[in-house]
Amino acid sequence: LMLIPLLVVGILSYRYFHEAVWESTKTSADQTILHLTKEIGQIFAVAEQFLEIGSYTVAERYLADRGDSYASAKEILALMNLFRGKHRYSNDVKDIYLVGINGRGISEREGVFRLQTLFDAIPSLQRIKYGSPNSELIRFNRYDLSGYWSKPAWQLAALTDYHPAQGLGRYILDPIRKEILGLAVVEINSEKVNQICREQSKSGYL
């Protein structure tokens, strides 16, 4: 007779603790995913803001090859530097590219350049919907862009082994004619994203 109530109590206790542990685990996992989403989302939000550099008149003027290109290039680089100082999480952005369909380009890290091949033939740029004003996530090797620049062979060779990168890309359109002028690409700090994922994975819920 004593075994029956003990068995009932045991079953009820097991169910209670099982549900308690499950709810606790589920809550912790939800918090981990929420935190992960927030941190990575913050990185891409900053990248989105840096893409706005392509919408400035000076960027459109430079890519369309109108006016003093040297003065425009200096102004664009100053603008990139201004964005760096303005945004608290600017270290999450590794580089910013403006690439024109005419081959003209400028990068925060590398400066002014000109493509040695057709704009449409660059693999990483083909992954963005042609002419779309919306930003899209792309994965690329920096060599896909910098490997075509007019640089000495010894400089190009140093770039060929660069590890894959990821970022956001958006087409730059003439505000009046709606013609495609080029593309803005913001390379995000992939290592920062990987670090966030590694830290969260230590929780055991990823």
N, C-alpha and C. Protein backbone atom coordinates (compact mmCIF):
# COMPACT_ATOMS: atom_id res chain seq x y z
N LEU A 1 0.82 -1.21 0.00
CA LEU A 1 0.00 0.00 0.00
C LEU A 1 0.86 1.27 0.00
N MET A 2 2.00 1.20 0.63
CA MET A 2 2.89 2.37 0.68
C MET A 2 3.54 2.66 -0.67
N LEU A 3 3.74 1.62 -1.45
CA LEU A 3 4.40 1.80 -2.74
C LEU A 3 3.57 2.62 -3.70
N ILE A 4 2.25 2.49 -3.63
CA ILE A 4 1.38 3.19 -4.57
C ILE A 4 1.50 4.71 -4.43
N PRO A 5 1.33 5.29 -3.22
CA PRO A 5 1.50 6.75 -3.11
C PRO A 5 2.92 7.21 -3.43
N LEU A 6 3.92 6.38 -3.05
CA LEU A 6 5.30 6.75 -3.37
C LEU A 6 5.50 6.80 -4.88
N LEU A 7 4.90 5.86 -5.58
CA LEU A 7 5.02 5.83 -7.03
C LEU A 7 4.34 7.06 -7.66
N VAL A 8 3.17 7.41 -7.13
CA VAL A 8 2.43 8.57 -7.64
C VAL A 8 3.25 9.84 -7.40
N VAL A 9 3.78 9.99 -6.18
CA VAL A 9 4.59 11.16 -5.84
C VAL A 9 5.83 11.24 -6.72
N GLY A 10 6.44 10.08 -6.97
CA GLY A 10 7.63 10.05 -7.81
C GLY A 10 7.34 10.50 -9.23
N ILE A 11 6.24 10.01 -9.78
CA ILE A 11 5.86 10.39 -11.14
C ILE A 11 5.56 11.88 -11.24
N LEU A 12 4.78 12.38 -10.25
CA LEU A 12 4.44 13.81 -10.25
C LEU A 12 5.68 14.68 -10.08
N SER A 13 6.59 14.24 -9.19
CA SER A 13 7.82 15.00 -8.96
C SER A 13 8.68 15.03 -10.23
N TYR A 14 8.77 13.87 -10.89
CA TYR A 14 9.55 13.80 -12.14
C TYR A 14 8.99 14.76 -13.19
N ARG A 15 7.66 14.73 -13.34
CA ARG A 15 7.03 15.60 -14.34
C ARG A 15 7.25 17.07 -14.00
N TYR A 16 7.16 17.40 -12.71
CA TYR A 16 7.33 18.79 -12.28
C TYR A 16 8.74 19.28 -12.59
N PHE A 17 9.75 18.50 -12.17
CA PHE A 17 11.13 18.91 -12.38
C PHE A 17 11.51 18.89 -13.87
N HIS A 18 10.95 17.93 -14.59
CA HIS A 18 11.22 17.86 -16.03
C HIS A 18 10.71 19.12 -16.72
N GLU A 19 9.49 19.52 -16.37
CA GLU A 19 8.92 20.72 -16.97
C GLU A 19 9.68 21.97 -16.55
N ALA A 20 10.13 22.01 -15.29
CA ALA A 20 10.87 23.17 -14.79
C ALA A 20 12.21 23.31 -15.51
N VAL A 21 12.92 22.16 -15.66
CA VAL A 21 14.21 22.18 -16.36
C VAL A 21 14.02 22.56 -17.83
N TRP A 22 12.96 22.02 -18.44
CA TRP A 22 12.68 22.32 -19.85
C TRP A 22 12.42 23.81 -20.06
N GLU A 23 11.59 24.40 -19.17
CA GLU A 23 11.28 25.82 -19.28
C GLU A 23 12.52 26.68 -19.06
N SER A 24 13.35 26.28 -18.12
CA SER A 24 14.58 27.02 -17.84
C SER A 24 15.53 26.97 -19.04
N THR A 25 15.66 25.75 -19.61
CA THR A 25 16.53 25.57 -20.78
C THR A 25 16.00 26.37 -21.97
N LYS A 26 14.70 26.31 -22.17
CA LYS A 26 14.08 27.03 -23.29
C LYS A 26 14.27 28.53 -23.14
N THR A 27 14.09 29.04 -21.93
CA THR A 27 14.26 30.48 -21.68
C THR A 27 15.69 30.91 -21.94
N SER A 28 16.65 30.12 -21.47
CA SER A 28 18.06 30.44 -21.67
C SER A 28 18.42 30.43 -23.16
N ALA A 29 17.90 29.43 -23.88
CA ALA A 29 18.17 29.34 -25.31
C ALA A 29 17.57 30.52 -26.05
N ASP A 30 16.35 30.91 -25.68
CA ASP A 30 15.69 32.06 -26.31
C ASP A 30 16.49 33.34 -26.08
N GLN A 31 16.99 33.51 -24.85
CA GLN A 31 17.77 34.69 -24.53
C GLN A 31 19.09 34.72 -25.30
N THR A 32 19.69 33.53 -25.46
CA THR A 32 20.95 33.44 -26.21
C THR A 32 20.74 33.82 -27.67
N ILE A 33 19.69 33.28 -28.27
CA ILE A 33 19.40 33.58 -29.67
C ILE A 33 19.04 35.05 -29.85
N LEU A 34 18.27 35.59 -28.90
CA LEU A 34 17.90 37.00 -28.96
C LEU A 34 19.13 37.89 -28.88
N HIS A 35 20.05 37.55 -27.98
CA HIS A 35 21.28 38.32 -27.82
C HIS A 35 22.14 38.23 -29.07
N LEU A 36 22.23 37.02 -29.63
CA LEU A 36 23.02 36.80 -30.84
C LEU A 36 22.45 37.61 -32.00
N THR A 37 21.13 37.55 -32.16
CA THR A 37 20.46 38.29 -33.23
C THR A 37 20.67 39.79 -33.08
N LYS A 38 20.60 40.27 -31.85
CA LYS A 38 20.76 41.70 -31.59
C LYS A 38 22.16 42.17 -31.95
N GLU A 39 23.18 41.41 -31.53
CA GLU A 39 24.57 41.83 -31.77
C GLU A 39 24.92 41.80 -33.25
N ILE A 40 24.55 40.72 -33.94
CA ILE A 40 24.85 40.62 -35.36
C ILE A 40 24.01 41.62 -36.14
N GLY A 41 22.76 41.80 -35.72
CA GLY A 41 21.91 42.79 -36.37
C GLY A 41 22.48 44.19 -36.26
N GLN A 42 23.11 44.47 -35.14
CA GLN A 42 23.73 45.78 -34.93
C GLN A 42 24.88 46.01 -35.93
N ILE A 43 25.65 44.96 -36.19
CA ILE A 43 26.75 45.07 -37.15
C ILE A 43 26.23 45.40 -38.54
N PHE A 44 25.18 44.70 -38.96
CA PHE A 44 24.63 44.95 -40.29
C PHE A 44 23.90 46.29 -40.36
N ALA A 45 23.36 46.76 -39.23
CA ALA A 45 22.72 48.07 -39.20
C ALA A 45 23.74 49.16 -39.45
N VAL A 46 24.93 49.01 -38.88
CA VAL A 46 26.00 49.98 -39.11
C VAL A 46 26.45 49.94 -40.57
N ALA A 47 26.57 48.72 -41.12
CA ALA A 47 26.95 48.58 -42.52
C ALA A 47 25.93 49.26 -43.44
N GLU A 48 24.65 49.12 -43.10
CA GLU A 48 23.59 49.78 -43.88
C GLU A 48 23.80 51.28 -43.89
N GLN A 49 24.16 51.85 -42.76
CA GLN A 49 24.38 53.28 -42.67
C GLN A 49 25.57 53.72 -43.51
N PHE A 50 26.61 52.90 -43.54
CA PHE A 50 27.79 53.23 -44.34
C PHE A 50 27.48 53.17 -45.84
N LEU A 51 26.51 52.34 -46.22
CA LEU A 51 26.12 52.28 -47.63
C LEU A 51 25.56 53.61 -48.12
N GLU A 52 25.08 54.43 -47.21
CA GLU A 52 24.50 55.71 -47.58
C GLU A 52 25.53 56.65 -48.21
N ILE A 53 26.81 56.36 -48.01
CA ILE A 53 27.85 57.18 -48.63
C ILE A 53 27.68 57.21 -50.14
N GLY A 54 27.21 56.09 -50.71
CA GLY A 54 27.01 56.02 -52.15
C GLY A 54 25.91 56.92 -52.67
N SER A 55 25.04 57.40 -51.79
CA SER A 55 23.93 58.25 -52.23
C SER A 55 24.28 59.74 -52.19
N TYR A 56 25.46 60.07 -51.69
CA TYR A 56 25.87 61.47 -51.65
C TYR A 56 26.21 61.96 -53.06
N THR A 57 25.97 63.24 -53.28
CA THR A 57 26.19 63.84 -54.61
C THR A 57 27.64 63.68 -55.05
N VAL A 58 28.57 63.82 -54.13
CA VAL A 58 29.99 63.74 -54.49
C VAL A 58 30.33 62.33 -54.99
N ALA A 59 29.70 61.30 -54.41
CA ALA A 59 29.94 59.93 -54.85
C ALA A 59 29.37 59.72 -56.25
N GLU A 60 28.18 60.23 -56.48
CA GLU A 60 27.56 60.11 -57.81
C GLU A 60 28.38 60.87 -58.85
N ARG A 61 28.88 62.03 -58.46
CA ARG A 61 29.68 62.84 -59.39
C ARG A 61 30.99 62.13 -59.73
N TYR A 62 31.59 61.49 -58.74
CA TYR A 62 32.87 60.80 -58.97
C TYR A 62 32.68 59.59 -59.89
N LEU A 63 31.65 58.78 -59.62
CA LEU A 63 31.42 57.58 -60.42
C LEU A 63 30.99 57.92 -61.84
N ALA A 64 30.29 59.04 -62.01
CA ALA A 64 29.85 59.45 -63.34
C ALA A 64 30.95 60.19 -64.09
N ASP A 65 32.10 60.39 -63.42
CA ASP A 65 33.26 61.07 -64.03
C ASP A 65 32.91 62.50 -64.45
N ARG A 66 32.27 63.22 -63.52
CA ARG A 66 31.94 64.62 -63.76
C ARG A 66 32.75 65.50 -62.82
N GLY A 67 33.32 66.57 -63.35
CA GLY A 67 34.06 67.51 -62.53
C GLY A 67 35.46 67.05 -62.21
N ASP A 68 36.05 67.65 -61.19
CA ASP A 68 37.42 67.37 -60.76
C ASP A 68 37.44 66.06 -59.96
N SER A 69 37.94 65.01 -60.57
CA SER A 69 37.93 63.69 -59.93
C SER A 69 38.84 63.65 -58.70
N TYR A 70 39.95 64.39 -58.74
CA TYR A 70 40.87 64.40 -57.60
C TYR A 70 40.21 65.03 -56.38
N ALA A 71 39.54 66.17 -56.60
CA ALA A 71 38.85 66.84 -55.50
C ALA A 71 37.70 65.98 -54.98
N SER A 72 36.99 65.31 -55.88
CA SER A 72 35.88 64.45 -55.47
C SER A 72 36.38 63.27 -54.65
N ALA A 73 37.51 62.70 -55.08
CA ALA A 73 38.08 61.56 -54.36
C ALA A 73 38.48 61.97 -52.94
N LYS A 74 39.09 63.14 -52.80
CA LYS A 74 39.47 63.62 -51.47
C LYS A 74 38.24 63.83 -50.60
N GLU A 75 37.18 64.35 -51.20
CA GLU A 75 35.95 64.61 -50.46
C GLU A 75 35.29 63.30 -50.02
N ILE A 76 35.33 62.29 -50.88
CA ILE A 76 34.74 60.99 -50.54
C ILE A 76 35.51 60.34 -49.39
N LEU A 77 36.83 60.36 -49.46
CA LEU A 77 37.65 59.77 -48.39
C LEU A 77 37.42 60.51 -47.08
N ALA A 78 37.25 61.84 -47.16
CA ALA A 78 36.95 62.62 -45.96
C ALA A 78 35.57 62.25 -45.41
N LEU A 79 34.64 61.97 -46.31
CA LEU A 79 33.29 61.56 -45.92
C LEU A 79 33.32 60.21 -45.22
N MET A 80 34.12 59.28 -45.76
CA MET A 80 34.27 57.98 -45.13
C MET A 80 34.84 58.12 -43.73
N ASN A 81 35.83 59.00 -43.60
CA ASN A 81 36.45 59.24 -42.30
C ASN A 81 35.45 59.86 -41.32
N LEU A 82 34.58 60.74 -41.86
CA LEU A 82 33.55 61.36 -41.03
C LEU A 82 32.58 60.31 -40.50
N PHE A 83 32.20 59.36 -41.35
CA PHE A 83 31.31 58.28 -40.93
C PHE A 83 31.97 57.44 -39.85
N ARG A 84 33.27 57.24 -39.97
CA ARG A 84 34.01 56.47 -38.97
C ARG A 84 33.89 57.13 -37.60
N GLY A 85 34.08 58.44 -37.59
CA GLY A 85 34.03 59.16 -36.33
C GLY A 85 32.64 59.32 -35.77
N LYS A 86 31.64 59.25 -36.63
CA LYS A 86 30.26 59.47 -36.24
C LYS A 86 29.64 58.24 -35.60
N HIS A 87 30.01 57.06 -36.08
CA HIS A 87 29.36 55.83 -35.64
C HIS A 87 30.17 55.12 -34.55
N ARG A 88 29.50 54.82 -33.49
CA ARG A 88 30.15 54.20 -32.33
C ARG A 88 30.73 52.83 -32.65
N TYR A 89 30.04 52.07 -33.52
CA TYR A 89 30.47 50.71 -33.83
C TYR A 89 31.13 50.63 -35.21
N SER A 90 31.83 51.68 -35.60
CA SER A 90 32.42 51.71 -36.94
C SER A 90 33.52 50.66 -37.12
N ASN A 91 34.08 50.14 -36.02
CA ASN A 91 35.10 49.10 -36.13
C ASN A 91 34.53 47.80 -36.69
N ASP A 92 33.21 47.68 -36.70
CA ASP A 92 32.57 46.50 -37.28
C ASP A 92 32.61 46.53 -38.81
N VAL A 93 33.01 47.67 -39.37
CA VAL A 93 33.14 47.82 -40.83
C VAL A 93 34.63 47.82 -41.18
N LYS A 94 35.04 46.90 -42.06
CA LYS A 94 36.46 46.79 -42.41
C LYS A 94 36.84 47.69 -43.58
N ASP A 95 35.96 47.82 -44.56
CA ASP A 95 36.29 48.63 -45.73
C ASP A 95 35.02 49.07 -46.44
N ILE A 96 35.15 50.12 -47.22
CA ILE A 96 34.03 50.65 -47.99
C ILE A 96 34.51 50.83 -49.43
N TYR A 97 33.74 50.33 -50.38
CA TYR A 97 34.08 50.45 -51.80
C TYR A 97 32.98 51.19 -52.54
N LEU A 98 33.38 52.05 -53.45
CA LEU A 98 32.47 52.61 -54.45
C LEU A 98 33.04 52.23 -55.80
N VAL A 99 32.29 51.46 -56.57
CA VAL A 99 32.78 50.96 -57.86
C VAL A 99 31.82 51.39 -58.96
N GLY A 100 32.32 52.13 -59.96
CA GLY A 100 31.49 52.59 -61.06
C GLY A 100 31.42 51.59 -62.19
N ILE A 101 30.33 51.62 -62.95
CA ILE A 101 30.21 50.71 -64.10
C ILE A 101 31.22 51.08 -65.18
N ASN A 102 31.76 52.29 -65.11
CA ASN A 102 32.79 52.73 -66.06
C ASN A 102 34.19 52.31 -65.63
N GLY A 103 34.28 51.61 -64.50
CA GLY A 103 35.58 51.11 -64.05
C GLY A 103 36.23 51.95 -62.98
N ARG A 104 35.71 53.15 -62.74
CA ARG A 104 36.28 54.00 -61.71
C ARG A 104 35.88 53.48 -60.33
N GLY A 105 36.78 53.60 -59.37
CA GLY A 105 36.46 53.14 -58.03
C GLY A 105 37.29 53.83 -56.98
N ILE A 106 36.84 53.69 -55.76
CA ILE A 106 37.59 54.23 -54.62
C ILE A 106 37.28 53.37 -53.41
N SER A 107 38.31 53.14 -52.61
CA SER A 107 38.18 52.31 -51.41
C SER A 107 38.81 53.06 -50.24
N GLU A 108 38.21 52.93 -49.09
CA GLU A 108 38.76 53.59 -47.91
C GLU A 108 40.16 53.07 -47.61
N ARG A 109 40.37 51.78 -47.80
CA ARG A 109 41.66 51.18 -47.47
C ARG A 109 42.70 51.36 -48.57
N GLU A 110 42.27 51.23 -49.83
CA GLU A 110 43.21 51.22 -50.94
C GLU A 110 43.27 52.55 -51.71
N GLY A 111 42.29 53.41 -51.53
CA GLY A 111 42.28 54.68 -52.26
C GLY A 111 41.66 54.55 -53.64
N VAL A 112 42.10 55.41 -54.55
CA VAL A 112 41.54 55.45 -55.91
C VAL A 112 42.07 54.28 -56.74
N PHE A 113 41.20 53.71 -57.59
CA PHE A 113 41.62 52.63 -58.48
C PHE A 113 40.76 52.64 -59.73
N ARG A 114 41.16 51.86 -60.69
CA ARG A 114 40.37 51.67 -61.91
C ARG A 114 40.40 50.19 -62.26
N LEU A 115 39.23 49.63 -62.54
CA LEU A 115 39.14 48.21 -62.86
C LEU A 115 39.84 47.90 -64.17
N GLN A 116 40.41 46.70 -64.23
CA GLN A 116 41.07 46.26 -65.46
C GLN A 116 40.20 45.31 -66.25
N THR A 117 38.99 45.09 -65.80
CA THR A 117 38.06 44.23 -66.51
C THR A 117 36.68 44.86 -66.45
N LEU A 118 35.73 44.29 -67.15
CA LEU A 118 34.39 44.84 -67.18
C LEU A 118 33.72 44.72 -65.81
N PHE A 119 33.00 45.73 -65.45
CA PHE A 119 32.27 45.77 -64.17
C PHE A 119 31.37 44.55 -64.02
N ASP A 120 30.65 44.20 -65.08
CA ASP A 120 29.69 43.09 -65.02
C ASP A 120 30.36 41.73 -64.94
N ALA A 121 31.67 41.68 -65.15
CA ALA A 121 32.36 40.38 -65.17
C ALA A 121 32.93 39.99 -63.81
N ILE A 122 32.82 40.87 -62.82
CA ILE A 122 33.38 40.58 -61.50
C ILE A 122 32.41 39.67 -60.74
N PRO A 123 32.83 38.48 -60.36
CA PRO A 123 31.93 37.47 -59.76
C PRO A 123 31.15 37.97 -58.56
N SER A 124 31.81 38.63 -57.61
CA SER A 124 31.11 39.03 -56.39
C SER A 124 30.02 40.06 -56.65
N LEU A 125 30.18 40.86 -57.68
CA LEU A 125 29.17 41.88 -57.99
C LEU A 125 27.96 41.27 -58.68
N GLN A 126 28.15 40.12 -59.31
CA GLN A 126 27.04 39.46 -60.00
C GLN A 126 26.04 38.85 -59.02
N ARG A 127 26.43 38.77 -57.76
CA ARG A 127 25.55 38.18 -56.75
C ARG A 127 24.51 39.16 -56.25
N ILE A 128 24.62 40.42 -56.65
CA ILE A 128 23.65 41.43 -56.25
C ILE A 128 22.68 41.64 -57.40
N LYS A 129 21.40 41.68 -57.10
CA LYS A 129 20.40 41.85 -58.14
C LYS A 129 20.65 43.13 -58.92
N TYR A 130 20.85 42.97 -60.21
CA TYR A 130 21.29 44.08 -61.05
C TYR A 130 20.30 45.24 -61.01
N GLY A 131 20.81 46.40 -60.67
CA GLY A 131 20.00 47.61 -60.67
C GLY A 131 19.12 47.81 -59.46
N SER A 132 19.09 46.84 -58.54
CA SER A 132 18.23 46.96 -57.37
C SER A 132 18.80 47.99 -56.39
N PRO A 133 17.97 48.90 -55.88
CA PRO A 133 18.44 49.89 -54.90
C PRO A 133 18.49 49.33 -53.48
N ASN A 134 18.07 48.08 -53.33
CA ASN A 134 18.06 47.45 -51.99
C ASN A 134 19.42 46.83 -51.68
N SER A 135 19.77 46.86 -50.42
CA SER A 135 21.04 46.25 -50.01
C SER A 135 20.87 44.74 -49.91
N GLU A 136 21.93 44.02 -50.25
CA GLU A 136 21.90 42.56 -50.21
C GLU A 136 23.19 42.03 -49.61
N LEU A 137 23.07 40.92 -48.89
CA LEU A 137 24.23 40.28 -48.30
C LEU A 137 25.02 39.54 -49.37
N ILE A 138 26.33 39.75 -49.39
CA ILE A 138 27.18 39.04 -50.36
C ILE A 138 28.40 38.47 -49.65
N ARG A 139 28.89 37.38 -50.17
CA ARG A 139 30.16 36.79 -49.73
C ARG A 139 31.12 36.88 -50.91
N PHE A 140 32.35 37.24 -50.62
CA PHE A 140 33.30 37.44 -51.71
C PHE A 140 34.73 37.34 -51.17
N ASN A 141 35.65 37.14 -52.08
CA ASN A 141 37.06 37.28 -51.77
C ASN A 141 37.46 38.71 -52.12
N ARG A 142 38.27 39.33 -51.30
CA ARG A 142 38.69 40.70 -51.61
C ARG A 142 39.39 40.74 -52.96
N TYR A 143 39.99 39.63 -53.35
CA TYR A 143 40.66 39.58 -54.65
C TYR A 143 39.67 39.75 -55.80
N ASP A 144 38.40 39.39 -55.56
CA ASP A 144 37.39 39.58 -56.60
C ASP A 144 37.32 41.04 -57.01
N LEU A 145 37.54 41.93 -56.05
CA LEU A 145 37.54 43.36 -56.35
C LEU A 145 38.96 43.88 -56.54
N SER A 146 39.78 43.73 -55.52
CA SER A 146 41.12 44.32 -55.57
C SER A 146 42.04 43.62 -56.56
N GLY A 147 41.75 42.38 -56.89
CA GLY A 147 42.60 41.66 -57.84
C GLY A 147 42.55 42.23 -59.24
N TYR A 148 41.52 43.05 -59.51
CA TYR A 148 41.40 43.64 -60.84
C TYR A 148 41.93 45.07 -60.89
N TRP A 149 42.37 45.57 -59.76
CA TRP A 149 42.81 46.96 -59.73
C TRP A 149 44.11 47.14 -60.49
N SER A 150 44.33 48.34 -60.93
CA SER A 150 45.58 48.67 -61.64
C SER A 150 46.70 48.83 -60.61
N LYS A 151 47.28 47.73 -60.23
CA LYS A 151 48.36 47.72 -59.25
C LYS A 151 49.50 46.84 -59.75
N PRO A 152 50.72 47.09 -59.27
CA PRO A 152 51.85 46.24 -59.64
C PRO A 152 51.60 44.79 -59.25
N ALA A 153 52.23 43.87 -59.97
CA ALA A 153 52.01 42.44 -59.74
C ALA A 153 52.33 42.04 -58.30
N TRP A 154 53.37 42.64 -57.71
CA TRP A 154 53.74 42.24 -56.35
C TRP A 154 52.67 42.62 -55.34
N GLN A 155 51.93 43.69 -55.60
CA GLN A 155 50.84 44.06 -54.71
C GLN A 155 49.63 43.16 -54.90
N LEU A 156 49.36 42.80 -56.14
CA LEU A 156 48.23 41.91 -56.42
C LEU A 156 48.47 40.53 -55.83
N ALA A 157 49.71 40.06 -55.90
CA ALA A 157 50.02 38.72 -55.40
C ALA A 157 49.73 38.61 -53.91
N ALA A 158 49.92 39.71 -53.18
CA ALA A 158 49.69 39.68 -51.74
C ALA A 158 48.21 39.59 -51.40
N LEU A 159 47.35 39.91 -52.36
CA LEU A 159 45.92 39.92 -52.11
C LEU A 159 45.23 38.62 -52.50
N THR A 160 45.90 37.80 -53.30
CA THR A 160 45.23 36.61 -53.84
C THR A 160 44.88 35.58 -52.78
N ASP A 161 45.61 35.57 -51.66
CA ASP A 161 45.35 34.58 -50.62
C ASP A 161 44.46 35.11 -49.50
N TYR A 162 43.91 36.29 -49.68
CA TYR A 162 43.08 36.88 -48.64
C TYR A 162 41.84 36.03 -48.41
N HIS A 163 41.52 35.80 -47.14
CA HIS A 163 40.41 34.91 -46.81
C HIS A 163 39.08 35.52 -47.24
N PRO A 164 38.05 34.70 -47.42
CA PRO A 164 36.74 35.20 -47.86
C PRO A 164 36.18 36.27 -46.93
N ALA A 165 35.47 37.21 -47.51
CA ALA A 165 34.86 38.29 -46.75
C ALA A 165 33.37 38.29 -46.98
N GLN A 166 32.66 39.08 -46.20
CA GLN A 166 31.23 39.22 -46.40
C GLN A 166 30.83 40.66 -46.11
N GLY A 167 29.75 41.07 -46.70
CA GLY A 167 29.31 42.44 -46.50
C GLY A 167 27.97 42.69 -47.18
N LEU A 168 27.65 43.96 -47.28
CA LEU A 168 26.42 44.38 -47.93
C LEU A 168 26.76 45.17 -49.20
N GLY A 169 25.95 44.97 -50.24
CA GLY A 169 26.13 45.70 -51.49
C GLY A 169 24.84 46.35 -51.93
N ARG A 170 24.95 47.50 -52.58
CA ARG A 170 23.77 48.21 -53.07
C ARG A 170 24.15 49.00 -54.32
N TYR A 171 23.28 48.95 -55.32
CA TYR A 171 23.54 49.72 -56.53
C TYR A 171 23.31 51.20 -56.29
N ILE A 172 24.12 52.02 -56.95
CA ILE A 172 24.00 53.47 -56.88
C ILE A 172 23.35 53.95 -58.17
N LEU A 173 22.22 54.63 -58.05
CA LEU A 173 21.47 55.07 -59.20
C LEU A 173 21.50 56.60 -59.32
N ASP A 174 21.54 57.09 -60.56
CA ASP A 174 21.42 58.52 -60.79
C ASP A 174 20.03 58.95 -60.32
N PRO A 175 19.94 59.93 -59.38
CA PRO A 175 18.64 60.29 -58.81
C PRO A 175 17.65 60.86 -59.81
N ILE A 176 18.13 61.40 -60.92
CA ILE A 176 17.24 62.01 -61.92
C ILE A 176 16.96 61.04 -63.06
N ARG A 177 18.00 60.54 -63.67
CA ARG A 177 17.84 59.65 -64.83
C ARG A 177 17.57 58.20 -64.43
N LYS A 178 17.81 57.87 -63.17
CA LYS A 178 17.64 56.50 -62.67
C LYS A 178 18.55 55.51 -63.39
N GLU A 179 19.65 56.00 -63.92
CA GLU A 179 20.63 55.12 -64.56
C GLU A 179 21.59 54.57 -63.50
N ILE A 180 22.11 53.37 -63.76
CA ILE A 180 23.05 52.76 -62.82
C ILE A 180 24.42 53.41 -62.96
N LEU A 181 24.91 53.98 -61.85
CA LEU A 181 26.24 54.59 -61.84
C LEU A 181 27.29 53.61 -61.34
N GLY A 182 26.91 52.73 -60.46
CA GLY A 182 27.87 51.79 -59.90
C GLY A 182 27.32 51.08 -58.69
N LEU A 183 28.20 50.77 -57.78
CA LEU A 183 27.83 49.93 -56.65
C LEU A 183 28.58 50.38 -55.40
N ALA A 184 27.90 50.36 -54.27
CA ALA A 184 28.54 50.59 -52.97
C ALA A 184 28.62 49.25 -52.25
N VAL A 185 29.78 48.91 -51.74
CA VAL A 185 29.97 47.66 -51.00
C VAL A 185 30.62 47.98 -49.66
N VAL A 186 30.02 47.49 -48.59
CA VAL A 186 30.59 47.66 -47.26
C VAL A 186 31.01 46.29 -46.74
N GLU A 187 32.28 46.12 -46.51
CA GLU A 187 32.80 44.85 -45.98
C GLU A 187 32.72 44.88 -44.46
N ILE A 188 32.02 43.93 -43.88
CA ILE A 188 31.89 43.88 -42.43
C ILE A 188 33.03 43.07 -41.82
N ASN A 189 33.19 43.22 -40.54
CA ASN A 189 34.23 42.51 -39.81
C ASN A 189 33.77 41.08 -39.55
N SER A 190 34.14 40.16 -40.42
CA SER A 190 33.70 38.76 -40.31
C SER A 190 34.20 38.12 -39.03
N GLU A 191 35.39 38.50 -38.61
CA GLU A 191 35.94 37.92 -37.39
C GLU A 191 35.10 38.30 -36.18
N LYS A 192 34.55 39.52 -36.20
CA LYS A 192 33.69 39.95 -35.09
C LYS A 192 32.43 39.07 -35.03
N VAL A 193 31.85 38.80 -36.20
CA VAL A 193 30.67 37.95 -36.26
C VAL A 193 31.01 36.55 -35.75
N ASN A 194 32.14 36.01 -36.19
CA ASN A 194 32.55 34.67 -35.74
C ASN A 194 32.81 34.64 -34.24
N GLN A 195 33.39 35.72 -33.72
CA GLN A 195 33.66 35.80 -32.29
C GLN A 195 32.36 35.78 -31.47
N ILE A 196 31.36 36.53 -31.94
CA ILE A 196 30.07 36.56 -31.26
C ILE A 196 29.46 35.16 -31.23
N CYS A 197 29.52 34.48 -32.37
CA CYS A 197 28.95 33.12 -32.46
C CYS A 197 29.70 32.16 -31.55
N ARG A 198 31.03 32.29 -31.49
CA ARG A 198 31.82 31.40 -30.63
C ARG A 198 31.48 31.61 -29.16
N GLU A 199 31.34 32.89 -28.78
CA GLU A 199 31.03 33.19 -27.38
C GLU A 199 29.66 32.66 -26.99
N GLN A 200 28.71 32.80 -27.90
CA GLN A 200 27.35 32.32 -27.61
C GLN A 200 27.28 30.80 -27.61
N SER A 201 28.13 30.17 -28.44
CA SER A 201 28.11 28.70 -28.52
C SER A 201 28.60 28.06 -27.22
N LYS A 202 29.38 28.81 -26.44
CA LYS A 202 29.86 28.29 -25.17
C LYS A 202 28.72 28.06 -24.18
N SER A 203 27.60 28.72 -24.43
CA SER A 203 26.44 28.53 -23.56
C SER A 203 25.82 27.14 -23.71
N GLY A 204 26.14 26.49 -24.86
CA GLY A 204 25.62 25.15 -25.09
C GLY A 204 24.28 25.13 -25.81
N TYR A 205 23.78 26.31 -26.19
CA TYR A 205 22.47 26.37 -26.83
C TYR A 205 22.56 26.65 -28.32
N LEU A 206 23.81 26.76 -28.87
CA LEU A 206 23.99 26.98 -30.30
C LEU A 206 24.84 25.88 -30.89
